Amino acid sequence: MKLPGKIAIMGGGSWATAIAKMVLVQEETINWYMRRDDRIADFKRLGHNPAYLTGVKFDVKRINFSSNINEIVRQSDTLIFVTPSPYLKSHLKKLKTRIRDKFIITAIKGIVPDDNLIVSEYFTSEYGVPRENIAVLAGPCHAEEVALERLSYLTVACPDTDKACIVARKLGNSYIKTSVSNDVVGIEYSSVLKNVYAIAAGICSGLKYGDNFQAVLVSNAIQEMYRFLQTVHPLDRNVEESAYLGDLLVTCYSNFSRNRTFGTMIGKGYSVKSAQIEMEMIAEGYYGTKCIKEINRHYHVNMPIADAVYNILYERISPNIEIKLLTDSFR
């Protein structure tokens, strides 16, 4: 099996930069799509991403940059998508090149808004990419720690586990340990939900709830996640594995977590708009919260934490009031 061939990074943020660093450990060259020509010019001049993970140095001679998505897709066999989920459709609308015969890896931890589809389902339904040619990357794996070469763990999920193994070997190195799974749907949804729960953890931190309560919040969150996953995509899965519980823990607790940071600002009294402006980075959980709420209207899973975050972010209910109601439901 000749996977993954020529690899392209599709996106220019911190996670895209960390993945490029991982891939270049084993690959001689990569293609890299970034939408802004000025960022590409600065990257080539400085030898690092001018906006994200600026401490990671690259040999730019090993990178073929382009702001032309069609050019990058034509020249590549494996496409690793790392754009924020709200912007995925706008990037893909520029596509005139077929991607159904490419191998797609999604490292996007979000749902495609309006369509309310996880990214793997979107590529299949809109672009005809076979499910067995789509893989998903899951953590716990903060980009900032990859940049520092701190030991991290990645899970590669694909319906074809042989392909997942090939991708896992390509991404593994001295500081990245990899494992494989066939639970694409469950891992994608858990990657969305952990961001929602991290916002909840941040809100509680901003409201001065302590570590004791945070432990109860997260233990309830993993139960809520399990209920949702088993309803939406029933499978014999173990949510205590690192791709589920591990990713949830690091996103709820880490200072690198932008979703927790966003939630903390909301808990301290910032409006959603002012928190977004001050952060200058996308908190995927903000968009994921609305998508999960809309998806769950079809399933009616009991999700008090996700509902509380939705009420705070979208219904403008006071965080103090909403979290107090939530605490009364916990045991």
C-alpha atoms as a PDB file:
ATOM      1  CA  MET A   1       0.000   0.000   0.000  1.00  0.00           C
ATOM      2  CA  LYS A   2       1.616   3.206  -1.210  1.00  0.00           C
ATOM      3  CA  LEU A   3       0.309   5.618   1.336  1.00  0.00           C
ATOM      4  CA  PRO A   4       0.675   8.518   2.000  1.00  0.00           C
ATOM      5  CA  GLY A   5       2.762   9.711  -1.057  1.00  0.00           C
ATOM      6  CA  LYS A   6       3.389  13.459  -1.290  1.00  0.00           C
ATOM      7  CA  ILE A   7       2.002  15.179   1.802  1.00  0.00           C
ATOM      8  CA  ALA A   8       0.399  18.628   1.945  1.00  0.00           C
ATOM      9  CA  ILE A   9      -0.420  20.701   5.012  1.00  0.00           C
ATOM     10  CA  MET A  10      -3.663  22.623   4.474  1.00  0.00           C
ATOM     11  CA  GLY A  11      -3.706  25.553   6.891  1.00  0.00           C
ATOM     12  CA  GLY A  12      -1.314  27.974   8.552  1.00  0.00           C
ATOM     13  CA  GLY A  13      -2.137  28.001  12.275  1.00  0.00           C
ATOM     14  CA  SER A  14      -0.352  26.584  15.313  1.00  0.00           C
ATOM     15  CA  TRP A  15      -1.620  22.987  14.939  1.00  0.00           C
ATOM     16  CA  ALA A  16      -0.773  23.049  11.208  1.00  0.00           C
ATOM     17  CA  THR A  17       2.726  24.238  12.082  1.00  0.00           C
ATOM     18  CA  ALA A  18       3.175  21.515  14.695  1.00  0.00           C
ATOM     19  CA  ILE A  19       2.004  18.832  12.248  1.00  0.00           C
ATOM     20  CA  ALA A  20       4.392  20.150   9.586  1.00  0.00           C
ATOM     21  CA  LYS A  21       7.216  19.827  12.116  1.00  0.00           C
ATOM     22  CA  MET A  22       6.177  16.202  12.793  1.00  0.00           C
ATOM     23  CA  VAL A  23       5.895  15.275   9.119  1.00  0.00           C
ATOM     24  CA  LEU A  24       9.276  16.772   8.223  1.00  0.00           C
ATOM     25  CA  VAL A  25      11.024  14.450  10.672  1.00  0.00           C
ATOM     26  CA  GLN A  26      10.512  11.631   8.138  1.00  0.00           C
ATOM     27  CA  GLU A  27       9.584  13.368   4.869  1.00  0.00           C
ATOM     28  CA  GLU A  28      12.246  15.106   2.778  1.00  0.00           C
ATOM     29  CA  THR A  29       9.816  17.733   1.454  1.00  0.00           C
ATOM     30  CA  ILE A  30       6.198  18.803   1.931  1.00  0.00           C
ATOM     31  CA  ASN A  31       3.673  21.026   0.200  1.00  0.00           C
ATOM     32  CA  TRP A  32       2.029  23.684   2.351  1.00  0.00           C
ATOM     33  CA  TYR A  33      -1.121  25.662   1.560  1.00  0.00           C
ATOM     34  CA  MET A  34      -1.527  29.005   3.313  1.00  0.00           C
ATOM     35  CA  ARG A  35      -4.135  31.479   2.130  1.00  0.00           C
ATOM     36  CA  ARG A  36      -2.054  34.640   2.687  1.00  0.00           C
ATOM     37  CA  ASP A  37       0.876  35.471   0.410  1.00  0.00           C
ATOM     38  CA  ASP A  38       2.312  37.941   2.930  1.00  0.00           C
ATOM     39  CA  ARG A  39       2.531  35.179   5.560  1.00  0.00           C
ATOM     40  CA  ILE A  40       4.259  32.898   3.049  1.00  0.00           C
ATOM     41  CA  ALA A  41       6.776  35.630   2.177  1.00  0.00           C
ATOM     42  CA  ASP A  42       7.509  36.281   5.868  1.00  0.00           C
ATOM     43  CA  PHE A  43       7.819  32.528   6.537  1.00  0.00           C
ATOM     44  CA  LYS A  44      10.401  32.142   3.750  1.00  0.00           C
ATOM     45  CA  ARG A  45      12.324  35.197   4.931  1.00  0.00           C
ATOM     46  CA  LEU A  46      12.324  34.365   8.650  1.00  0.00           C
ATOM     47  CA  GLY A  47      12.521  30.559   8.498  1.00  0.00           C
ATOM     48  CA  HIS A  48       9.546  30.176  10.843  1.00  0.00           C
ATOM     49  CA  ASN A  49       5.805  30.782  10.866  1.00  0.00           C
ATOM     50  CA  PRO A  50       5.540  34.539  11.466  1.00  0.00           C
ATOM     51  CA  ALA A  51       2.269  34.260  13.390  1.00  0.00           C
ATOM     52  CA  TYR A  52       2.227  30.894  15.237  1.00  0.00           C
ATOM     53  CA  LEU A  53       4.811  28.794  17.118  1.00  0.00           C
ATOM     54  CA  THR A  54       7.469  31.284  16.084  1.00  0.00           C
ATOM     55  CA  GLY A  55      10.157  29.340  17.962  1.00  0.00           C
ATOM     56  CA  VAL A  56       9.912  26.378  15.550  1.00  0.00           C
ATOM     57  CA  LYS A  57      12.582  26.734  12.877  1.00  0.00           C
ATOM     58  CA  PHE A  58      12.098  25.211   9.417  1.00  0.00           C
ATOM     59  CA  ASP A  59      14.399  24.561   6.488  1.00  0.00           C
ATOM     60  CA  VAL A  60      12.196  26.419   3.997  1.00  0.00           C
ATOM     61  CA  LYS A  61      14.030  24.789   1.074  1.00  0.00           C
ATOM     62  CA  ARG A  62      12.174  21.593   2.041  1.00  0.00           C
ATOM     63  CA  ILE A  63       8.764  23.287   1.798  1.00  0.00           C
ATOM     64  CA  ASN A  64       6.783  24.156  -1.324  1.00  0.00           C
ATOM     65  CA  PHE A  65       4.476  26.984  -0.199  1.00  0.00           C
ATOM     66  CA  SER A  66       1.483  28.238  -2.167  1.00  0.00           C
ATOM     67  CA  SER A  67      -1.674  30.275  -1.585  1.00  0.00           C
ATOM     68  CA  ASN A  68      -3.241  28.457  -4.547  1.00  0.00           C
ATOM     69  CA  ILE A  69      -5.211  25.546  -3.082  1.00  0.00           C
ATOM     70  CA  ASN A  70      -5.657  23.889  -6.490  1.00  0.00           C
ATOM     71  CA  GLU A  71      -1.922  23.908  -7.176  1.00  0.00           C
ATOM     72  CA  ILE A  72      -1.175  22.256  -3.816  1.00  0.00           C
ATOM     73  CA  VAL A  73      -3.938  19.652  -4.228  1.00  0.00           C
ATOM     74  CA  ARG A  74      -2.758  18.739  -7.743  1.00  0.00           C
ATOM     75  CA  GLN A  75       0.795  18.191  -6.514  1.00  0.00           C
ATOM     76  CA  SER A  76      -0.155  16.102  -3.456  1.00  0.00           C
ATOM     77  CA  ASP A  77      -1.415  12.602  -2.628  1.00  0.00           C
ATOM     78  CA  THR A  78      -2.243  13.079   1.061  1.00  0.00           C
ATOM     79  CA  LEU A  79      -3.936  16.255   2.291  1.00  0.00           C
ATOM     80  CA  ILE A  80      -3.794  17.091   6.006  1.00  0.00           C
ATOM     81  CA  PHE A  81      -6.537  19.636   6.699  1.00  0.00           C
ATOM     82  CA  VAL A  82      -5.850  21.869   9.701  1.00  0.00           C
ATOM     83  CA  THR A  83      -8.039  24.907   9.013  1.00  0.00           C
ATOM     84  CA  PRO A  84     -10.529  26.076  11.671  1.00  0.00           C
ATOM     85  CA  SER A  85     -13.889  24.404  11.041  1.00  0.00           C
ATOM     86  CA  PRO A  86     -15.814  27.687  10.475  1.00  0.00           C
ATOM     87  CA  TYR A  87     -13.521  28.490   7.521  1.00  0.00           C
ATOM     88  CA  LEU A  88     -13.239  25.039   5.914  1.00  0.00           C
ATOM     89  CA  LYS A  89     -16.065  25.593   3.420  1.00  0.00           C
ATOM     90  CA  SER A  90     -14.670  28.923   2.209  1.00  0.00           C
ATOM     91  CA  HIS A  91     -11.308  27.269   1.475  1.00  0.00           C
ATOM     92  CA  LEU A  92     -12.899  24.292  -0.275  1.00  0.00           C
ATOM     93  CA  LYS A  93     -15.108  26.530  -2.435  1.00  0.00           C
ATOM     94  CA  LYS A  94     -11.929  27.547  -4.298  1.00  0.00           C
ATOM     95  CA  LEU A  95     -11.346  23.905  -5.284  1.00  0.00           C
ATOM     96  CA  LYS A  96     -11.531  23.043  -8.958  1.00  0.00           C
ATOM     97  CA  THR A  97      -9.345  19.955  -8.528  1.00  0.00           C
ATOM     98  CA  ARG A  98     -10.910  16.616  -7.579  1.00  0.00           C
ATOM     99  CA  ILE A  99     -10.039  15.343  -4.128  1.00  0.00           C
ATOM    100  CA  ARG A 100     -12.020  12.098  -4.142  1.00  0.00           C
ATOM    101  CA  ASP A 101      -8.887  10.191  -5.223  1.00  0.00           C
ATOM    102  CA  LYS A 102      -6.718  11.782  -2.508  1.00  0.00           C
ATOM    103  CA  PHE A 103      -6.114  10.459   1.002  1.00  0.00           C
ATOM    104  CA  ILE A 104      -7.581  12.968   3.458  1.00  0.00           C
ATOM    105  CA  ILE A 105      -6.376  13.435   7.029  1.00  0.00           C
ATOM    106  CA  THR A 106      -8.443  15.796   9.124  1.00  0.00           C
ATOM    107  CA  ALA A 107      -6.864  17.414  12.155  1.00  0.00           C
ATOM    108  CA  ILE A 108      -9.840  19.791  12.473  1.00  0.00           C
ATOM    109  CA  LYS A 109     -11.439  19.586  15.909  1.00  0.00           C
ATOM    110  CA  GLY A 110     -14.805  20.972  14.954  1.00  0.00           C
ATOM    111  CA  ILE A 111     -18.058  20.506  13.073  1.00  0.00           C
ATOM    112  CA  VAL A 112     -18.826  22.163   9.726  1.00  0.00           C
ATOM    113  CA  PRO A 113     -21.315  24.907  10.691  1.00  0.00           C
ATOM    114  CA  ASP A 114     -24.740  25.074   8.995  1.00  0.00           C
ATOM    115  CA  ASP A 115     -24.298  21.525   7.638  1.00  0.00           C
ATOM    116  CA  ASN A 116     -23.735  20.220  11.211  1.00  0.00           C
ATOM    117  CA  LEU A 117     -21.536  17.456   9.852  1.00  0.00           C
ATOM    118  CA  ILE A 118     -18.281  16.212  11.334  1.00  0.00           C
ATOM    119  CA  VAL A 119     -15.472  16.859   8.871  1.00  0.00           C
ATOM    120  CA  SER A 120     -15.048  13.269   7.683  1.00  0.00           C
ATOM    121  CA  GLU A 121     -18.768  13.065   6.845  1.00  0.00           C
ATOM    122  CA  TYR A 122     -18.566  16.409   5.035  1.00  0.00           C
ATOM    123  CA  PHE A 123     -15.727  15.213   2.787  1.00  0.00           C
ATOM    124  CA  THR A 124     -17.700  12.061   1.951  1.00  0.00           C
ATOM    125  CA  SER A 125     -21.075  13.696   1.342  1.00  0.00           C
ATOM    126  CA  GLU A 126     -19.867  16.819  -0.494  1.00  0.00           C
ATOM    127  CA  TYR A 127     -16.736  15.603  -2.281  1.00  0.00           C
ATOM    128  CA  GLY A 128     -17.267  11.873  -2.639  1.00  0.00           C
ATOM    129  CA  VAL A 129     -14.123  10.873  -0.719  1.00  0.00           C
ATOM    130  CA  PRO A 130     -14.518   7.206   0.317  1.00  0.00           C
ATOM    131  CA  ARG A 131     -14.681   6.736   4.095  1.00  0.00           C
ATOM    132  CA  GLU A 132     -11.713   4.339   3.990  1.00  0.00           C
ATOM    133  CA  ASN A 133      -9.612   7.175   2.495  1.00  0.00           C
ATOM    134  CA  ILE A 134     -10.232   9.538   5.405  1.00  0.00           C
ATOM    135  CA  ALA A 135      -8.297   9.520   8.666  1.00  0.00           C
ATOM    136  CA  VAL A 136      -8.683  11.653  11.770  1.00  0.00           C
ATOM    137  CA  LEU A 137      -5.944  12.877  14.124  1.00  0.00           C
ATOM    138  CA  ALA A 138      -6.740  13.079  17.826  1.00  0.00           C
ATOM    139  CA  GLY A 139      -4.793  14.125  20.911  1.00  0.00           C
ATOM    140  CA  PRO A 140      -4.058  14.736  23.693  1.00  0.00           C
ATOM    141  CA  CYS A 141      -1.489  16.735  21.764  1.00  0.00           C
ATOM    142  CA  HIS A 142      -1.180  20.506  22.211  1.00  0.00           C
ATOM    143  CA  ALA A 143       0.709  22.182  19.382  1.00  0.00           C
ATOM    144  CA  GLU A 144       2.792  24.182  21.832  1.00  0.00           C
ATOM    145  CA  GLU A 145       4.172  21.037  23.476  1.00  0.00           C
ATOM    146  CA  VAL A 146       4.930  19.443  20.101  1.00  0.00           C
ATOM    147  CA  ALA A 147       6.937  22.594  19.320  1.00  0.00           C
ATOM    148  CA  LEU A 148       8.895  22.045  22.528  1.00  0.00           C
ATOM    149  CA  GLU A 149       9.349  18.339  21.632  1.00  0.00           C
ATOM    150  CA  ARG A 150       7.680  17.233  24.845  1.00  0.00           C
ATOM    151  CA  LEU A 151       6.475  13.634  24.787  1.00  0.00           C
ATOM    152  CA  SER A 152       2.995  13.569  23.250  1.00  0.00           C
ATOM    153  CA  TYR A 153       0.526  10.928  22.076  1.00  0.00           C
ATOM    154  CA  LEU A 154      -1.480  10.916  18.840  1.00  0.00           C
ATOM    155  CA  THR A 155      -4.294   8.622  17.788  1.00  0.00           C
ATOM    156  CA  VAL A 156      -4.909   8.062  14.077  1.00  0.00           C
ATOM    157  CA  ALA A 157      -8.447   6.855  13.337  1.00  0.00           C
ATOM    158  CA  CYS A 158      -9.501   5.379   9.996  1.00  0.00           C
ATOM    159  CA  PRO A 159     -12.033   2.700   8.980  1.00  0.00           C
ATOM    160  CA  ASP A 160      -9.102   0.998   7.222  1.00  0.00           C
ATOM    161  CA  THR A 161      -6.751   0.339  10.140  1.00  0.00           C
ATOM    162  CA  ASP A 162      -3.926  -0.697   7.772  1.00  0.00           C
ATOM    163  CA  LYS A 163      -3.958   2.833   6.374  1.00  0.00           C
ATOM    164  CA  ALA A 164      -4.168   4.245   9.900  1.00  0.00           C
ATOM    165  CA  CYS A 165      -1.008   2.288  10.784  1.00  0.00           C
ATOM    166  CA  ILE A 166       0.883   3.711   7.792  1.00  0.00           C
ATOM    167  CA  VAL A 167      -0.092   7.279   8.727  1.00  0.00           C
ATOM    168  CA  ALA A 168       0.764   6.620  12.379  1.00  0.00           C
ATOM    169  CA  ARG A 169       4.246   5.432  11.411  1.00  0.00           C
ATOM    170  CA  LYS A 170       4.763   8.558   9.291  1.00  0.00           C
ATOM    171  CA  LEU A 171       3.877  10.847  12.198  1.00  0.00           C
ATOM    172  CA  GLY A 172       5.640   8.981  14.984  1.00  0.00           C
ATOM    173  CA  ASN A 173       9.102  10.011  16.172  1.00  0.00           C
ATOM    174  CA  SER A 174      11.171  10.279  19.338  1.00  0.00           C
ATOM    175  CA  TYR A 175       8.667  12.618  21.021  1.00  0.00           C
ATOM    176  CA  ILE A 176       5.416  11.538  19.300  1.00  0.00           C
ATOM    177  CA  LYS A 177       3.939   8.156  20.227  1.00  0.00           C
ATOM    178  CA  THR A 178       1.103   6.963  18.006  1.00  0.00           C
ATOM    179  CA  SER A 179      -1.782   4.507  18.197  1.00  0.00           C
ATOM    180  CA  VAL A 180      -4.615   3.621  15.821  1.00  0.00           C
ATOM    181  CA  SER A 181      -8.393   3.290  16.011  1.00  0.00           C
ATOM    182  CA  ASN A 182     -11.325   2.656  13.696  1.00  0.00           C
ATOM    183  CA  ASP A 183     -13.703   4.923  15.655  1.00  0.00           C
ATOM    184  CA  VAL A 184     -13.604   7.920  13.307  1.00  0.00           C
ATOM    185  CA  VAL A 185     -17.061   9.250  14.208  1.00  0.00           C
ATOM    186  CA  GLY A 186     -16.621   8.831  17.963  1.00  0.00           C
ATOM    187  CA  ILE A 187     -13.199  10.450  18.011  1.00  0.00           C
ATOM    188  CA  GLU A 188     -14.345  13.376  15.878  1.00  0.00           C
ATOM    189  CA  TYR A 189     -17.345  14.044  18.095  1.00  0.00           C
ATOM    190  CA  SER A 190     -15.249  13.670  21.258  1.00  0.00           C
ATOM    191  CA  SER A 191     -12.770  16.211  19.832  1.00  0.00           C
ATOM    192  CA  VAL A 192     -15.653  18.658  19.472  1.00  0.00           C
ATOM    193  CA  LEU A 193     -17.175  17.925  22.866  1.00  0.00           C
ATOM    194  CA  LYS A 194     -13.923  18.240  24.810  1.00  0.00           C
ATOM    195  CA  ASN A 195     -13.662  21.833  23.559  1.00  0.00           C
ATOM    196  CA  VAL A 196     -17.186  22.553  24.805  1.00  0.00           C
ATOM    197  CA  TYR A 197     -16.339  21.065  28.197  1.00  0.00           C
ATOM    198  CA  ALA A 198     -13.081  23.025  28.322  1.00  0.00           C
ATOM    199  CA  ILE A 199     -15.091  26.224  27.912  1.00  0.00           C
ATOM    200  CA  ALA A 200     -17.232  25.062  30.860  1.00  0.00           C
ATOM    201  CA  ALA A 201     -14.065  24.428  32.901  1.00  0.00           C
ATOM    202  CA  GLY A 202     -12.793  27.883  32.007  1.00  0.00           C
ATOM    203  CA  ILE A 203     -16.079  29.555  32.936  1.00  0.00           C
ATOM    204  CA  CYS A 204     -15.978  27.820  36.327  1.00  0.00           C
ATOM    205  CA  SER A 205     -12.367  28.892  36.810  1.00  0.00           C
ATOM    206  CA  GLY A 206     -13.310  32.486  35.979  1.00  0.00           C
ATOM    207  CA  LEU A 207     -16.110  32.242  38.556  1.00  0.00           C
ATOM    208  CA  LYS A 208     -13.528  31.086  41.155  1.00  0.00           C
ATOM    209  CA  TYR A 209     -14.733  27.499  41.499  1.00  0.00           C
ATOM    210  CA  GLY A 210     -11.818  25.428  42.759  1.00  0.00           C
ATOM    211  CA  ASP A 211     -10.045  22.209  41.818  1.00  0.00           C
ATOM    212  CA  ASN A 212     -12.478  20.057  43.795  1.00  0.00           C
ATOM    213  CA  PHE A 213     -15.366  21.228  41.652  1.00  0.00           C
ATOM    214  CA  GLN A 214     -13.344  21.005  38.431  1.00  0.00           C
ATOM    215  CA  ALA A 215     -12.745  17.306  39.140  1.00  0.00           C
ATOM    216  CA  VAL A 216     -16.496  16.733  39.515  1.00  0.00           C
ATOM    217  CA  LEU A 217     -17.181  18.771  36.353  1.00  0.00           C
ATOM    218  CA  VAL A 218     -14.763  16.707  34.258  1.00  0.00           C
ATOM    219  CA  SER A 219     -16.001  13.378  35.668  1.00  0.00           C
ATOM    220  CA  ASN A 220     -19.541  14.388  34.711  1.00  0.00           C
ATOM    221  CA  ALA A 221     -18.301  15.598  31.310  1.00  0.00           C
ATOM    222  CA  ILE A 222     -16.820  12.216  30.356  1.00  0.00           C
ATOM    223  CA  GLN A 223     -20.117  10.533  31.305  1.00  0.00           C
ATOM    224  CA  GLU A 224     -22.021  13.066  29.208  1.00  0.00           C
ATOM    225  CA  MET A 225     -19.627  12.500  26.296  1.00  0.00           C
ATOM    226  CA  TYR A 226     -20.110   8.731  26.543  1.00  0.00           C
ATOM    227  CA  ARG A 227     -23.915   9.076  26.518  1.00  0.00           C
ATOM    228  CA  PHE A 228     -23.774  11.210  23.395  1.00  0.00           C
ATOM    229  CA  LEU A 229     -21.279   9.014  21.516  1.00  0.00           C
ATOM    230  CA  GLN A 230     -23.203   5.815  22.287  1.00  0.00           C
ATOM    231  CA  THR A 231     -26.429   7.409  21.067  1.00  0.00           C
ATOM    232  CA  VAL A 232     -25.079   9.009  17.886  1.00  0.00           C
ATOM    233  CA  HIS A 233     -22.681   6.196  16.909  1.00  0.00           C
ATOM    234  CA  PRO A 234     -23.092   3.059  19.079  1.00  0.00           C
ATOM    235  CA  LEU A 235     -19.816   1.145  19.292  1.00  0.00           C
ATOM    236  CA  ASP A 236     -17.865  -0.972  21.741  1.00  0.00           C
ATOM    237  CA  ARG A 237     -15.531   1.888  22.671  1.00  0.00           C
ATOM    238  CA  ASN A 238     -13.551   2.662  25.820  1.00  0.00           C
ATOM    239  CA  VAL A 239     -13.818   6.401  26.563  1.00  0.00           C
ATOM    240  CA  GLU A 240     -11.062   6.048  29.158  1.00  0.00           C
ATOM    241  CA  GLU A 241      -8.533   5.846  26.298  1.00  0.00           C
ATOM    242  CA  SER A 242      -6.315   8.853  25.656  1.00  0.00           C
ATOM    243  CA  ALA A 243      -8.142   9.949  22.468  1.00  0.00           C
ATOM    244  CA  TYR A 244     -11.271  10.548  24.570  1.00  0.00           C
ATOM    245  CA  LEU A 245     -10.537  11.061  28.277  1.00  0.00           C
ATOM    246  CA  GLY A 246      -6.911  12.116  27.797  1.00  0.00           C
ATOM    247  CA  ASP A 247      -7.819  14.796  25.265  1.00  0.00           C
ATOM    248  CA  LEU A 248     -10.655  15.972  27.505  1.00  0.00           C
ATOM    249  CA  LEU A 249      -8.356  16.290  30.528  1.00  0.00           C
ATOM    250  CA  VAL A 250      -5.606  18.236  28.788  1.00  0.00           C
ATOM    251  CA  THR A 251      -8.070  20.588  27.105  1.00  0.00           C
ATOM    252  CA  CYS A 252      -9.888  21.296  30.378  1.00  0.00           C
ATOM    253  CA  TYR A 253      -6.763  21.767  32.505  1.00  0.00           C
ATOM    254  CA  SER A 254      -3.911  23.036  30.325  1.00  0.00           C
ATOM    255  CA  ASN A 255      -2.815  26.665  30.176  1.00  0.00           C
ATOM    256  CA  PHE A 256      -2.256  26.074  26.437  1.00  0.00           C
ATOM    257  CA  SER A 257      -5.985  25.384  25.955  1.00  0.00           C
ATOM    258  CA  ARG A 258      -7.548  28.273  24.059  1.00  0.00           C
ATOM    259  CA  ASN A 259     -11.050  26.948  24.821  1.00  0.00           C
ATOM    260  CA  ARG A 260     -10.370  26.982  28.548  1.00  0.00           C
ATOM    261  CA  THR A 261      -8.865  30.480  28.189  1.00  0.00           C
ATOM    262  CA  PHE A 262     -11.941  31.655  26.292  1.00  0.00           C
ATOM    263  CA  GLY A 263     -14.225  30.196  28.984  1.00  0.00           C
ATOM    264  CA  THR A 264     -12.204  31.808  31.774  1.00  0.00           C
ATOM    265  CA  MET A 265     -12.709  35.213  30.170  1.00  0.00           C
ATOM    266  CA  ILE A 266     -16.459  34.593  29.924  1.00  0.00           C
ATOM    267  CA  GLY A 267     -16.521  33.564  33.585  1.00  0.00           C
ATOM    268  CA  LYS A 268     -14.713  36.781  34.518  1.00  0.00           C
ATOM    269  CA  GLY A 269     -17.385  38.847  32.819  1.00  0.00           C
ATOM    270  CA  TYR A 270     -16.146  39.361  29.261  1.00  0.00           C
ATOM    271  CA  SER A 271     -18.745  39.323  26.511  1.00  0.00           C
ATOM    272  CA  VAL A 272     -18.333  36.660  23.829  1.00  0.00           C
ATOM    273  CA  LYS A 273     -17.291  39.299  21.283  1.00  0.00           C
ATOM    274  CA  SER A 274     -14.727  40.982  23.529  1.00  0.00           C
ATOM    275  CA  ALA A 275     -13.230  37.612  24.546  1.00  0.00           C
ATOM    276  CA  GLN A 276     -12.877  36.616  20.882  1.00  0.00           C
ATOM    277  CA  ILE A 277     -11.230  39.918  19.981  1.00  0.00           C
ATOM    278  CA  GLU A 278      -8.759  39.773  22.858  1.00  0.00           C
ATOM    279  CA  MET A 279      -7.782  36.147  22.202  1.00  0.00           C
ATOM    280  CA  GLU A 280      -7.023  36.727  18.491  1.00  0.00           C
ATOM    281  CA  MET A 281      -7.331  32.951  18.018  1.00  0.00           C
ATOM    282  CA  ILE A 282     -10.236  30.648  17.224  1.00  0.00           C
ATOM    283  CA  ALA A 283     -11.858  28.859  20.154  1.00  0.00           C
ATOM    284  CA  GLU A 284     -13.412  25.947  18.241  1.00  0.00           C
ATOM    285  CA  GLY A 285     -15.680  25.114  21.165  1.00  0.00           C
ATOM    286  CA  TYR A 286     -17.694  28.310  20.651  1.00  0.00           C
ATOM    287  CA  TYR A 287     -18.876  27.060  17.257  1.00  0.00           C
ATOM    288  CA  GLY A 288     -18.995  23.435  18.403  1.00  0.00           C
ATOM    289  CA  THR A 289     -21.384  24.305  21.226  1.00  0.00           C
ATOM    290  CA  LYS A 290     -24.055  25.552  18.804  1.00  0.00           C
ATOM    291  CA  CYS A 291     -23.556  22.613  16.420  1.00  0.00           C
ATOM    292  CA  ILE A 292     -23.852  20.030  19.213  1.00  0.00           C
ATOM    293  CA  LYS A 293     -27.000  21.750  20.523  1.00  0.00           C
ATOM    294  CA  GLU A 294     -28.579  21.587  17.060  1.00  0.00           C
ATOM    295  CA  ILE A 295     -27.496  17.979  16.433  1.00  0.00           C
ATOM    296  CA  ASN A 296     -28.803  16.898  19.833  1.00  0.00           C
ATOM    297  CA  ARG A 297     -32.288  18.175  18.973  1.00  0.00           C
ATOM    298  CA  HIS A 298     -32.565  14.966  16.937  1.00  0.00           C
ATOM    299  CA  TYR A 299     -31.174  12.664  19.650  1.00  0.00           C
ATOM    300  CA  HIS A 300     -32.390  14.180  22.957  1.00  0.00           C
ATOM    301  CA  VAL A 301     -29.347  13.029  24.949  1.00  0.00           C
ATOM    302  CA  ASN A 302     -29.200  14.395  28.499  1.00  0.00           C
ATOM    303  CA  MET A 303     -26.350  16.940  28.196  1.00  0.00           C
ATOM    304  CA  PRO A 304     -26.586  19.452  31.074  1.00  0.00           C
ATOM    305  CA  ILE A 305     -22.981  20.719  30.714  1.00  0.00           C
ATOM    306  CA  ALA A 306     -23.194  21.333  26.962  1.00  0.00           C
ATOM    307  CA  ASP A 307     -26.620  22.935  27.459  1.00  0.00           C
ATOM    308  CA  ALA A 308     -25.242  25.233  30.162  1.00  0.00           C
ATOM    309  CA  VAL A 309     -22.393  26.397  27.917  1.00  0.00           C
ATOM    310  CA  TYR A 310     -24.881  27.019  25.089  1.00  0.00           C
ATOM    311  CA  ASN A 311     -27.150  29.053  27.384  1.00  0.00           C
ATOM    312  CA  ILE A 312     -24.226  31.199  28.527  1.00  0.00           C
ATOM    313  CA  LEU A 313     -22.701  31.774  25.070  1.00  0.00           C
ATOM    314  CA  TYR A 314     -25.812  32.031  22.901  1.00  0.00           C
ATOM    315  CA  GLU A 315     -28.737  32.824  25.198  1.00  0.00           C
ATOM    316  CA  ARG A 316     -26.673  35.267  27.298  1.00  0.00           C
ATOM    317  CA  ILE A 317     -27.730  33.682  30.558  1.00  0.00           C
ATOM    318  CA  SER A 318     -25.577  34.830  33.475  1.00  0.00           C
ATOM    319  CA  PRO A 319     -22.650  32.404  34.016  1.00  0.00           C
ATOM    320  CA  ASN A 320     -23.232  32.670  37.778  1.00  0.00           C
ATOM    321  CA  ILE A 321     -26.851  31.563  37.469  1.00  0.00           C
ATOM    322  CA  GLU A 322     -26.268  28.869  34.852  1.00  0.00           C
ATOM    323  CA  ILE A 323     -23.323  27.222  36.630  1.00  0.00           C
ATOM    324  CA  LYS A 324     -25.179  27.314  39.967  1.00  0.00           C
ATOM    325  CA  LEU A 325     -28.032  25.374  38.334  1.00  0.00           C
ATOM    326  CA  LEU A 326     -25.473  22.950  36.901  1.00  0.00           C
ATOM    327  CA  THR A 327     -23.808  22.350  40.272  1.00  0.00           C
ATOM    328  CA  ASP A 328     -27.168  21.321  41.733  1.00  0.00           C
ATOM    329  CA  SER A 329     -27.418  18.521  39.139  1.00  0.00           C
ATOM    330  CA  PHE A 330     -23.993  17.001  39.933  1.00  0.00           C
ATOM    331  CA  ARG A 331     -23.244  14.210  42.372  1.00  0.00           C
END
